[in-house]
N, C-alpha and C. Protein backbone atom coordinates (compact mmCIF):
# COMPACT_ATOMS: atom_id res chain seq x y z
N MET A 1 86.82 84.06 117.62
CA MET A 1 86.35 85.67 116.94
C MET A 1 86.23 84.94 115.50
N GLY A 2 87.23 84.58 114.89
CA GLY A 2 87.17 84.14 113.38
C GLY A 2 86.16 83.31 113.13
N ALA A 3 85.72 82.34 113.68
CA ALA A 3 84.72 81.41 113.36
C ALA A 3 83.45 82.19 113.23
N LEU A 4 83.45 82.80 114.45
CA LEU A 4 81.73 83.95 114.40
C LEU A 4 81.78 84.24 113.18
N SER A 5 82.78 85.25 112.87
CA SER A 5 82.16 86.34 111.88
C SER A 5 82.52 85.72 110.61
N LEU A 6 82.99 84.44 110.33
CA LEU A 6 82.30 83.71 109.23
C LEU A 6 80.65 82.63 108.90
N ALA A 7 79.88 83.43 110.60
CA ALA A 7 78.50 82.83 110.20
C ALA A 7 78.00 83.20 109.62
N GLY A 8 78.26 84.76 109.50
CA GLY A 8 76.88 85.66 108.47
C GLY A 8 77.33 84.91 106.97
N ARG A 9 78.45 84.86 106.60
CA ARG A 9 78.68 84.17 105.37
C ARG A 9 77.70 83.18 104.64
N TYR A 10 77.48 82.42 105.87
CA TYR A 10 77.32 81.24 105.76
C TYR A 10 75.70 80.68 106.06
N HIS A 11 74.92 81.46 107.03
CA HIS A 11 73.82 81.84 107.43
C HIS A 11 73.26 82.83 106.75
N PRO A 12 71.87 82.73 106.35
CA PRO A 12 71.66 83.79 105.59
C PRO A 12 70.88 84.77 106.22
N CYS A 13 70.17 84.48 107.46
CA CYS A 13 69.00 85.52 108.38
C CYS A 13 70.10 86.49 109.25
N CYS A 14 71.38 85.64 109.11
CA CYS A 14 72.26 86.44 110.46
C CYS A 14 73.58 86.77 109.19
N ASN A 15 73.67 88.32 108.44
CA ASN A 15 74.60 88.56 108.02
C ASN A 15 75.51 89.52 108.58
N ILE A 16 76.18 89.05 109.07
CA ILE A 16 77.41 89.88 110.20
C ILE A 16 77.90 90.77 109.24
N ALA A 17 78.41 90.27 108.36
CA ALA A 17 79.29 91.16 107.49
C ALA A 17 78.66 92.54 106.60
N GLN A 18 77.69 92.31 106.58
CA GLN A 18 76.62 93.50 105.87
C GLN A 18 77.20 95.06 106.72
N PRO A 19 77.21 95.16 107.66
CA PRO A 19 77.46 96.73 108.15
C PRO A 19 78.77 97.20 107.93
N LYS A 20 80.13 96.18 107.29
CA LYS A 20 80.95 96.99 106.74
C LYS A 20 80.72 97.16 105.12
N CYS A 21 79.86 96.54 104.40
CA CYS A 21 80.00 97.04 103.09
C CYS A 21 79.01 98.49 103.07
N TYR A 22 78.33 98.58 103.75
CA TYR A 22 77.83 100.46 104.03
C TYR A 22 78.98 100.97 104.68
N ALA A 23 80.01 100.81 105.29
CA ALA A 23 80.60 101.99 105.26
C ALA A 23 82.31 102.47 104.76
N THR A 24 82.48 101.12 103.66
CA THR A 24 83.20 101.17 102.26
C THR A 24 82.71 101.31 100.62
N ASP A 25 81.10 101.16 101.10
CA ASP A 25 81.02 101.63 99.39
C ASP A 25 80.13 102.92 99.40
N PRO A 26 80.98 103.94 98.60
CA PRO A 26 80.77 105.26 98.46
C PRO A 26 79.11 106.05 97.93
N LYS A 27 78.11 104.54 97.14
CA LYS A 27 77.37 105.05 96.71
C LYS A 27 76.20 104.84 98.04
N TYR A 28 76.68 104.22 98.85
CA TYR A 28 75.60 104.17 100.68
C TYR A 28 75.77 105.49 101.39
N LEU A 29 76.66 106.28 100.96
CA LEU A 29 77.25 107.40 101.77
C LEU A 29 76.87 108.40 100.71
N GLY A 30 76.51 108.39 99.51
CA GLY A 30 75.84 109.34 98.15
C GLY A 30 77.35 110.03 97.41
N LEU A 31 78.48 109.60 97.42
CA LEU A 31 79.53 110.14 97.17
C LEU A 31 79.90 109.66 96.04
N SER A 32 80.66 110.21 94.93
CA SER A 32 81.33 109.27 93.84
C SER A 32 82.24 108.50 94.39
N TRP A 33 83.16 107.81 93.58
CA TRP A 33 84.78 107.30 94.04
C TRP A 33 85.47 108.02 94.39
N ALA A 34 85.54 109.07 93.18
CA ALA A 34 86.90 110.04 93.30
C ALA A 34 86.92 110.96 94.32
N THR A 35 85.53 110.98 95.02
CA THR A 35 85.47 112.17 96.39
C THR A 35 85.59 111.05 97.41
N PHE A 36 84.69 109.92 97.34
CA PHE A 36 85.45 109.11 98.76
C PHE A 36 86.85 108.64 98.40
N PHE A 37 87.37 108.24 97.58
CA PHE A 37 88.86 108.01 97.73
C PHE A 37 89.56 109.59 98.08
N LEU A 38 89.60 110.51 97.97
CA LEU A 38 89.96 112.09 98.54
C LEU A 38 89.75 111.80 99.96
N LEU A 39 88.32 111.64 100.42
CA LEU A 39 88.54 111.91 101.93
C LEU A 39 88.77 110.63 102.56
N ALA A 40 89.19 109.69 101.80
CA ALA A 40 89.94 108.37 102.76
C ALA A 40 91.20 108.62 102.51
N PHE A 41 91.87 109.35 101.83
CA PHE A 41 93.36 110.15 101.65
C PHE A 41 93.29 111.16 102.45
N SER A 42 92.35 112.01 102.98
CA SER A 42 92.44 113.25 103.54
C SER A 42 92.29 112.69 105.43
N VAL A 43 91.75 111.36 105.66
CA VAL A 43 91.69 111.25 106.85
C VAL A 43 92.72 110.11 107.13
N ALA A 44 93.51 109.80 106.02
CA ALA A 44 95.13 109.10 106.16
C ALA A 44 96.19 110.12 106.39
N LEU A 45 95.83 111.50 106.06
CA LEU A 45 97.23 112.40 105.94
C LEU A 45 97.33 112.54 107.74
N PRO A 46 96.74 112.48 108.67
CA PRO A 46 97.51 113.09 110.06
C PRO A 46 98.34 111.38 110.59
N GLY A 47 97.94 110.85 110.21
CA GLY A 47 98.40 109.65 110.37
C GLY A 47 99.93 108.92 109.72
N LEU A 48 99.70 109.43 108.83
CA LEU A 48 101.38 109.79 108.01
C LEU A 48 101.97 110.47 108.43
N ALA A 49 101.48 111.82 108.68
CA ALA A 49 101.81 113.53 109.59
C ALA A 49 102.74 112.63 110.50
N PHE A 50 101.83 111.68 111.59
CA PHE A 50 102.35 111.62 112.66
C PHE A 50 103.47 110.57 112.63
N VAL A 51 103.59 109.28 111.73
CA VAL A 51 104.55 108.62 111.30
C VAL A 51 105.90 109.26 110.90
N TRP A 52 105.61 110.42 110.42
CA TRP A 52 106.84 111.21 109.74
C TRP A 52 107.81 111.98 110.83
N PHE A 53 106.59 112.23 111.52
CA PHE A 53 107.07 113.06 112.63
C PHE A 53 108.01 112.30 113.33
N LEU A 54 107.80 110.98 113.48
CA LEU A 54 108.43 109.94 115.02
C LEU A 54 109.15 109.38 113.92
N ARG A 55 109.96 109.33 113.03
CA ARG A 55 110.74 108.58 112.20
C ARG A 55 111.92 107.93 112.77
N LYS A 56 112.40 109.24 113.20
CA LYS A 56 113.75 108.88 113.78
C LYS A 56 113.67 108.06 115.31
N GLU A 57 112.15 108.19 116.23
CA GLU A 57 112.25 107.42 117.27
C GLU A 57 111.94 106.04 116.95
N ILE A 58 111.58 105.83 115.59
CA ILE A 58 111.17 104.91 115.04
C ILE A 58 112.29 104.20 115.02
N GLU A 59 113.17 104.58 113.98
CA GLU A 59 114.61 104.09 113.93
C GLU A 59 115.21 103.84 115.05
N ARG A 60 115.52 104.68 116.32
CA ARG A 60 116.06 104.06 117.26
C ARG A 60 115.13 103.04 118.21
N ALA A 61 114.34 102.78 118.28
CA ALA A 61 113.35 101.56 118.62
C ALA A 61 113.83 100.43 117.76
N GLU A 62 114.00 100.48 116.50
CA GLU A 62 114.20 99.41 115.89
C GLU A 62 115.66 99.38 115.74
N ALA A 63 116.31 99.92 115.99
CA ALA A 63 117.83 99.68 116.17
C ALA A 63 118.16 99.20 117.21
N ALA A 64 117.39 98.95 118.68
CA ALA A 64 117.55 98.59 120.16
C ALA A 64 116.85 97.51 120.07
N SER A 65 116.40 96.73 119.11
CA SER A 65 115.74 95.59 119.45
C SER A 65 116.31 94.74 118.80
N THR A 66 117.09 95.37 117.25
CA THR A 66 117.75 94.21 116.87
C THR A 66 119.32 93.95 117.38
N SER A 67 119.44 94.69 118.33
CA SER A 67 121.29 94.82 118.93
C SER A 67 120.80 93.66 120.21
């Protein structure tokens, strides 16, 4: 799959990497950079909260895997 993803880089009529650019460039979304980063941060917050609530479970799993 890695070689297939590189095909777009070297073949001009088949640019596979192009859709990723639209999702990560705020000008295509009509946003400023500050708004884009604030939006990205707010989208990441639930995942960070989930890890914070499961931190004891994660520590237990880590201790069990090292012993």
